[in-house]
């Protein structure tokens, strides 16, 4: 199931897709996005040691090395 809220897209796992992804399409520096994520996605930040951020132009992808949060 895919939910889109403005520039935020959340892709949930499905029966045929075991991973999830969260993508922010906003033209902000990674530091600003990181602070936004920490404030609004505190549940994800409980895994902060496993969360990695990757910026592709204006797109930020969040990946969890434990649960495979990267979109495949």
PDB file of N, CA and C in Angstrom:
ATOM      1  N   UNK A   1       0.850  -1.180   0.000  1.00  0.00           N
ATOM      2  CA  UNK A   1       0.000   0.000   0.000  1.00  0.00           C
ATOM      3  C   UNK A   1       0.893   1.239   0.000  1.00  0.00           C
ATOM      4  N   UNK A   2       0.534   2.227  -0.778  1.00  0.00           N
ATOM      5  CA  UNK A   2       1.335   3.439  -0.873  1.00  0.00           C
ATOM      6  C   UNK A   2       0.503   4.630  -0.414  1.00  0.00           C
ATOM      7  N   UNK A   3       1.067   5.415   0.491  1.00  0.00           N
ATOM      8  CA  UNK A   3       0.419   6.628   0.970  1.00  0.00           C
ATOM      9  C   UNK A   3       1.284   7.803   0.545  1.00  0.00           C
ATOM     10  N   UNK A   4       0.692   8.840   0.000  1.00  0.00           N
ATOM     11  CA  UNK A   4       1.453  10.016  -0.375  1.00  0.00           C
ATOM     12  C   UNK A   4       0.858  11.225   0.327  1.00  0.00           C
ATOM     13  N   UNK A   5       1.702  11.953   1.051  1.00  0.00           N
ATOM     14  CA  UNK A   5       1.282  13.140   1.782  1.00  0.00           C
ATOM     15  C   UNK A   5       2.181  14.283   1.330  1.00  0.00           C
ATOM     16  N   UNK A   6       1.762  15.041   0.343  1.00  0.00           N
ATOM     17  CA  UNK A   6       2.604  16.111  -0.175  1.00  0.00           C
ATOM     18  C   UNK A   6       3.866  15.529  -0.770  1.00  0.00           C
ATOM     19  N   UNK A   7       4.999  15.864  -0.160  1.00  0.00           N
ATOM     20  CA  UNK A   7       6.272  15.386  -0.679  1.00  0.00           C
ATOM     21  C   UNK A   7       6.763  14.142   0.058  1.00  0.00           C
ATOM     22  N   UNK A   8       5.916  13.553   0.882  1.00  0.00           N
ATOM     23  CA  UNK A   8       6.294  12.367   1.646  1.00  0.00           C
ATOM     24  C   UNK A   8       5.592  11.143   1.080  1.00  0.00           C
ATOM     25  N   UNK A   9       6.353  10.133   0.741  1.00  0.00           N
ATOM     26  CA  UNK A   9       5.793   8.888   0.235  1.00  0.00           C
ATOM     27  C   UNK A   9       6.228   7.747   1.133  1.00  0.00           C
ATOM     28  N   UNK A  10       5.265   6.964   1.595  1.00  0.00           N
ATOM     29  CA  UNK A  10       5.555   5.810   2.436  1.00  0.00           C
ATOM     30  C   UNK A  10       5.099   4.563   1.701  1.00  0.00           C
ATOM     31  N   UNK A  11       6.019   3.650   1.461  1.00  0.00           N
ATOM     32  CA  UNK A  11       5.690   2.391   0.794  1.00  0.00           C
ATOM     33  C   UNK A  11       5.736   1.296   1.852  1.00  0.00           C
ATOM     34  N   UNK A  12       4.587   0.701   2.129  1.00  0.00           N
ATOM     35  CA  UNK A  12       4.513  -0.329   3.153  1.00  0.00           C
ATOM     36  C   UNK A  12       4.807  -1.700   2.557  1.00  0.00           C
ATOM     37  N   UNK A  13       5.258  -2.631   3.395  1.00  0.00           N
ATOM     38  CA  UNK A  13       5.479  -3.994   2.903  1.00  0.00           C
ATOM     39  C   UNK A  13       4.173  -4.619   2.419  1.00  0.00           C
ATOM     40  N   UNK A  14       4.281  -5.518   1.460  1.00  0.00           N
ATOM     41  CA  UNK A  14       3.123  -6.259   0.973  1.00  0.00           C
ATOM     42  C   UNK A  14       3.462  -7.741   1.008  1.00  0.00           C
ATOM     43  N   UNK A  15       2.511  -8.568   0.577  1.00  0.00           N
ATOM     44  CA  UNK A  15       2.763 -10.007   0.573  1.00  0.00           C
ATOM     45  C   UNK A  15       3.919 -10.375  -0.346  1.00  0.00           C
ATOM     46  N   UNK A  16       4.088  -9.611  -1.424  1.00  0.00           N
ATOM     47  CA  UNK A  16       5.148  -9.924  -2.385  1.00  0.00           C
ATOM     48  C   UNK A  16       6.363  -9.017  -2.225  1.00  0.00           C
ATOM     49  N   UNK A  17       6.319  -8.135  -1.249  1.00  0.00           N
ATOM     50  CA  UNK A  17       7.395  -7.175  -1.054  1.00  0.00           C
ATOM     51  C   UNK A  17       7.639  -7.037   0.435  1.00  0.00           C
ATOM     52  N   UNK A  18       8.780  -7.523   0.897  1.00  0.00           N
ATOM     53  CA  UNK A  18       9.007  -7.615   2.338  1.00  0.00           C
ATOM     54  C   UNK A  18       9.567  -6.340   2.949  1.00  0.00           C
ATOM     55  N   UNK A  19      10.038  -5.405   2.139  1.00  0.00           N
ATOM     56  CA  UNK A  19      10.650  -4.209   2.694  1.00  0.00           C
ATOM     57  C   UNK A  19       9.705  -3.012   2.606  1.00  0.00           C
ATOM     58  N   UNK A  20      10.055  -1.976   3.322  1.00  0.00           N
ATOM     59  CA  UNK A  20       9.289  -0.734   3.304  1.00  0.00           C
ATOM     60  C   UNK A  20      10.235   0.392   2.930  1.00  0.00           C
ATOM     61  N   UNK A  21       9.685   1.490   2.524  1.00  0.00           N
ATOM     62  CA  UNK A  21      10.531   2.643   2.220  1.00  0.00           C
ATOM     63  C   UNK A  21       9.809   3.922   2.593  1.00  0.00           C
ATOM     64  N   UNK A  22      10.600   4.935   2.854  1.00  0.00           N
ATOM     65  CA  UNK A  22      10.055   6.252   3.138  1.00  0.00           C
ATOM     66  C   UNK A  22      10.890   7.236   2.330  1.00  0.00           C
ATOM     67  N   UNK A  23      10.263   7.980   1.451  1.00  0.00           N
ATOM     68  CA  UNK A  23      10.979   8.897   0.568  1.00  0.00           C
ATOM     69  C   UNK A  23      10.447  10.308   0.741  1.00  0.00           C
ATOM     70  N   UNK A  24      11.347  11.253   0.928  1.00  0.00           N
ATOM     71  CA  UNK A  24      10.982  12.660   1.013  1.00  0.00           C
ATOM     72  C   UNK A  24      11.523  13.362  -0.221  1.00  0.00           C
ATOM     73  N   UNK A  25      10.650  13.943  -1.024  1.00  0.00           N
ATOM     74  CA  UNK A  25      11.066  14.687  -2.211  1.00  0.00           C
ATOM     75  C   UNK A  25      10.969  16.178  -1.918  1.00  0.00           C
ATOM     76  N   UNK A  26      11.958  16.690  -1.248  1.00  0.00           N
ATOM     77  CA  UNK A  26      11.960  18.107  -0.906  1.00  0.00           C
ATOM     78  C   UNK A  26      13.379  18.652  -1.080  1.00  0.00           C
ATOM     79  N   UNK A  27      13.514  19.865  -1.586  1.00  0.00           N
ATOM     80  CA  UNK A  27      14.833  20.448  -1.839  1.00  0.00           C
ATOM     81  C   UNK A  27      15.442  21.067  -0.586  1.00  0.00           C
ATOM     82  N   UNK A  28      15.791  20.240   0.367  1.00  0.00           N
ATOM     83  CA  UNK A  28      16.391  20.709   1.611  1.00  0.00           C
ATOM     84  C   UNK A  28      17.691  19.962   1.863  1.00  0.00           C
ATOM     85  N   UNK A  29      18.629  20.587   2.568  1.00  0.00           N
ATOM     86  CA  UNK A  29      19.868  19.882   2.918  1.00  0.00           C
ATOM     87  C   UNK A  29      19.582  18.673   3.800  1.00  0.00           C
ATOM     88  N   UNK A  30      20.445  17.682   3.739  1.00  0.00           N
ATOM     89  CA  UNK A  30      20.248  16.465   4.518  1.00  0.00           C
ATOM     90  C   UNK A  30      20.161  16.768   6.006  1.00  0.00           C
ATOM     91  N   UNK A  31      20.932  17.734   6.490  1.00  0.00           N
ATOM     92  CA  UNK A  31      20.901  18.071   7.921  1.00  0.00           C
ATOM     93  C   UNK A  31      19.516  18.550   8.328  1.00  0.00           C
ATOM     94  N   UNK A  32      18.891  19.386   7.505  1.00  0.00           N
ATOM     95  CA  UNK A  32      17.547  19.888   7.795  1.00  0.00           C
ATOM     96  C   UNK A  32      16.545  18.743   7.748  1.00  0.00           C
ATOM     97  N   UNK A  33      16.654  17.889   6.738  1.00  0.00           N
ATOM     98  CA  UNK A  33      15.749  16.750   6.631  1.00  0.00           C
ATOM     99  C   UNK A  33      15.929  15.799   7.803  1.00  0.00           C
ATOM    100  N   UNK A  34      17.159  15.598   8.214  1.00  0.00           N
ATOM    101  CA  UNK A  34      17.428  14.711   9.339  1.00  0.00           C
ATOM    102  C   UNK A  34      16.726  15.216  10.595  1.00  0.00           C
ATOM    103  N   UNK A  35      16.777  16.513  10.852  1.00  0.00           N
ATOM    104  CA  UNK A  35      16.100  17.094  12.012  1.00  0.00           C
ATOM    105  C   UNK A  35      14.585  16.953  11.881  1.00  0.00           C
ATOM    106  N   UNK A  36      14.056  17.152  10.677  1.00  0.00           N
ATOM    107  CA  UNK A  36      12.623  16.983  10.428  1.00  0.00           C
ATOM    108  C   UNK A  36      12.203  15.552  10.738  1.00  0.00           C
ATOM    109  N   UNK A  37      12.993  14.617  10.266  1.00  0.00           N
ATOM    110  CA  UNK A  37      12.676  13.204  10.484  1.00  0.00           C
ATOM    111  C   UNK A  37      12.706  12.874  11.969  1.00  0.00           C
ATOM    112  N   UNK A  38      13.709  13.370  12.677  1.00  0.00           N
ATOM    113  CA  UNK A  38      13.809  13.081  14.114  1.00  0.00           C
ATOM    114  C   UNK A  38      12.601  13.626  14.876  1.00  0.00           C
ATOM    115  N   UNK A  39      12.059  14.746  14.433  1.00  0.00           N
ATOM    116  CA  UNK A  39      10.910  15.336  15.113  1.00  0.00           C
ATOM    117  C   UNK A  39       9.609  14.636  14.754  1.00  0.00           C
ATOM    118  N   UNK A  40       9.456  14.217  13.502  1.00  0.00           N
ATOM    119  CA  UNK A  40       8.179  13.709  13.033  1.00  0.00           C
ATOM    120  C   UNK A  40       8.113  12.200  12.886  1.00  0.00           C
ATOM    121  N   UNK A  41       9.263  11.540  12.960  1.00  0.00           N
ATOM    122  CA  UNK A  41       9.286  10.088  12.818  1.00  0.00           C
ATOM    123  C   UNK A  41      10.080   9.477  13.961  1.00  0.00           C
ATOM    124  N   UNK A  42       9.688   9.828  15.192  1.00  0.00           N
ATOM    125  CA  UNK A  42      10.436   9.372  16.359  1.00  0.00           C
ATOM    126  C   UNK A  42      10.450   7.856  16.477  1.00  0.00           C
ATOM    127  N   UNK A  43       9.414   7.186  15.968  1.00  0.00           N
ATOM    128  CA  UNK A  43       9.389   5.734  16.032  1.00  0.00           C
ATOM    129  C   UNK A  43      10.537   5.151  15.209  1.00  0.00           C
ATOM    130  N   UNK A  44      10.770   5.707  14.019  1.00  0.00           N
ATOM    131  CA  UNK A  44      11.904   5.266  13.211  1.00  0.00           C
ATOM    132  C   UNK A  44      13.222   5.568  13.905  1.00  0.00           C
ATOM    133  N   UNK A  45      13.276   6.680  14.594  1.00  0.00           N
ATOM    134  CA  UNK A  45      14.523   7.088  15.213  1.00  0.00           C
ATOM    135  C   UNK A  45      14.887   6.237  16.423  1.00  0.00           C
ATOM    136  N   UNK A  46      13.943   5.395  16.889  1.00  0.00           N
ATOM    137  CA  UNK A  46      14.310   4.438  17.921  1.00  0.00           C
ATOM    138  C   UNK A  46      15.363   3.480  17.387  1.00  0.00           C
ATOM    139  N   UNK A  47      15.427   3.365  16.066  1.00  0.00           N
ATOM    140  CA  UNK A  47      16.429   2.544  15.404  1.00  0.00           C
ATOM    141  C   UNK A  47      17.561   3.416  14.869  1.00  0.00           C
ATOM    142  N   UNK A  48      17.818   4.553  15.540  1.00  0.00           N
ATOM    143  CA  UNK A  48      18.725   5.552  14.980  1.00  0.00           C
ATOM    144  C   UNK A  48      20.110   5.001  14.653  1.00  0.00           C
ATOM    145  N   UNK A  49      20.589   4.020  15.394  1.00  0.00           N
ATOM    146  CA  UNK A  49      21.894   3.442  15.102  1.00  0.00           C
ATOM    147  C   UNK A  49      21.880   2.671  13.791  1.00  0.00           C
ATOM    148  N   UNK A  50      20.693   2.275  13.344  1.00  0.00           N
ATOM    149  CA  UNK A  50      20.580   1.476  12.130  1.00  0.00           C
ATOM    150  C   UNK A  50      20.050   2.274  10.949  1.00  0.00           C
ATOM    151  N   UNK A  51      19.648   3.512  11.196  1.00  0.00           N
ATOM    152  CA  UNK A  51      19.069   4.331  10.135  1.00  0.00           C
ATOM    153  C   UNK A  51      20.176   5.045   9.371  1.00  0.00           C
ATOM    154  N   UNK A  52      20.098   5.003   8.067  1.00  0.00           N
ATOM    155  CA  UNK A  52      21.041   5.754   7.246  1.00  0.00           C
ATOM    156  C   UNK A  52      20.263   6.633   6.278  1.00  0.00           C
ATOM    157  N   UNK A  53      20.825   7.780   5.968  1.00  0.00           N
ATOM    158  CA  UNK A  53      20.182   8.724   5.069  1.00  0.00           C
ATOM    159  C   UNK A  53      21.006   8.835   3.796  1.00  0.00           C
ATOM    160  N   UNK A  54      20.345   8.890   2.676  1.00  0.00           N
ATOM    161  CA  UNK A  54      21.041   9.023   1.402  1.00  0.00           C
ATOM    162  C   UNK A  54      20.310  10.049   0.554  1.00  0.00           C
ATOM    163  N   UNK A  55      21.037  11.011   0.036  1.00  0.00           N
ATOM    164  CA  UNK A  55      20.425  12.089  -0.734  1.00  0.00           C
ATOM    165  C   UNK A  55      20.717  11.912  -2.216  1.00  0.00           C
ATOM    166  N   UNK A  56      19.670  11.944  -3.036  1.00  0.00           N
ATOM    167  CA  UNK A  56      19.790  11.883  -4.485  1.00  0.00           C
ATOM    168  C   UNK A  56      19.191  13.171  -5.033  1.00  0.00           C
ATOM    169  N   UNK A  57      19.993  14.225  -5.124  1.00  0.00           N
ATOM    170  CA  UNK A  57      19.451  15.517  -5.538  1.00  0.00           C
ATOM    171  C   UNK A  57      18.523  16.023  -4.458  1.00  0.00           C
ATOM    172  N   UNK A  58      17.242  16.154  -4.788  1.00  0.00           N
ATOM    173  CA  UNK A  58      16.278  16.632  -3.794  1.00  0.00           C
ATOM    174  C   UNK A  58      15.546  15.478  -3.129  1.00  0.00           C
ATOM    175  N   UNK A  59      15.933  14.243  -3.446  1.00  0.00           N
ATOM    176  CA  UNK A  59      15.246  13.084  -2.871  1.00  0.00           C
ATOM    177  C   UNK A  59      16.089  12.494  -1.748  1.00  0.00           C
ATOM    178  N   UNK A  60      15.465  12.274  -0.627  1.00  0.00           N
ATOM    179  CA  UNK A  60      16.141  11.651   0.510  1.00  0.00           C
ATOM    180  C   UNK A  60      15.520  10.295   0.755  1.00  0.00           C
ATOM    181  N   UNK A  61      16.355   9.277   0.852  1.00  0.00           N
ATOM    182  CA  UNK A  61      15.842   7.942   1.161  1.00  0.00           C
ATOM    183  C   UNK A  61      16.382   7.532   2.515  1.00  0.00           C
ATOM    184  N   UNK A  62      15.532   6.888   3.283  1.00  0.00           N
ATOM    185  CA  UNK A  62      15.906   6.426   4.611  1.00  0.00           C
ATOM    186  C   UNK A  62      16.051   4.919   4.562  1.00  0.00           C
ATOM    187  N   UNK A  63      17.173   4.435   5.035  1.00  0.00           N
ATOM    188  CA  UNK A  63      17.363   2.993   5.026  1.00  0.00           C
ATOM    189  C   UNK A  63      17.686   2.471   6.406  1.00  0.00           C
ATOM    190  N   UNK A  64      17.113   1.347   6.751  1.00  0.00           N
ATOM    191  CA  UNK A  64      17.390   0.691   8.026  1.00  0.00           C
ATOM    192  C   UNK A  64      18.186  -0.571   7.731  1.00  0.00           C
ATOM    193  N   UNK A  65      19.384  -0.668   8.302  1.00  0.00           N
ATOM    194  CA  UNK A  65      20.238  -1.817   8.029  1.00  0.00           C
ATOM    195  C   UNK A  65      19.776  -3.061   8.765  1.00  0.00           C
ATOM    196  N   UNK A  66      18.862  -2.910   9.708  1.00  0.00           N
ATOM    197  CA  UNK A  66      18.359  -4.058  10.466  1.00  0.00           C
ATOM    198  C   UNK A  66      17.162  -4.691   9.770  1.00  0.00           C
ATOM    199  N   UNK A  67      16.172  -3.881   9.427  1.00  0.00           N
ATOM    200  CA  UNK A  67      14.934  -4.435   8.877  1.00  0.00           C
ATOM    201  C   UNK A  67      14.838  -4.291   7.362  1.00  0.00           C
ATOM    202  N   UNK A  68      15.856  -3.710   6.714  1.00  0.00           N
ATOM    203  CA  UNK A  68      15.825  -3.586   5.260  1.00  0.00           C
ATOM    204  C   UNK A  68      14.812  -2.571   4.782  1.00  0.00           C
ATOM    205  N   UNK A  69      14.798  -1.397   5.383  1.00  0.00           N
ATOM    206  CA  UNK A  69      13.791  -0.383   5.065  1.00  0.00           C
ATOM    207  C   UNK A  69      13.963   0.217   3.676  1.00  0.00           C
ATOM    208  N   UNK A  70      15.124  -0.020   3.041  1.00  0.00           N
ATOM    209  CA  UNK A  70      15.328   0.511   1.691  1.00  0.00           C
ATOM    210  C   UNK A  70      14.292  -0.045   0.734  1.00  0.00           C
ATOM    211  N   UNK A  71      13.805   0.794  -0.136  1.00  0.00           N
ATOM    212  CA  UNK A  71      12.912   0.338  -1.188  1.00  0.00           C
ATOM    213  C   UNK A  71      13.716  -0.484  -2.182  1.00  0.00           C
ATOM    214  N   UNK A  72      13.171  -1.634  -2.592  1.00  0.00           N
ATOM    215  CA  UNK A  72      13.886  -2.506  -3.524  1.00  0.00           C
ATOM    216  C   UNK A  72      13.280  -2.404  -4.903  1.00  0.00           C
TER     217      UNK A  72
END
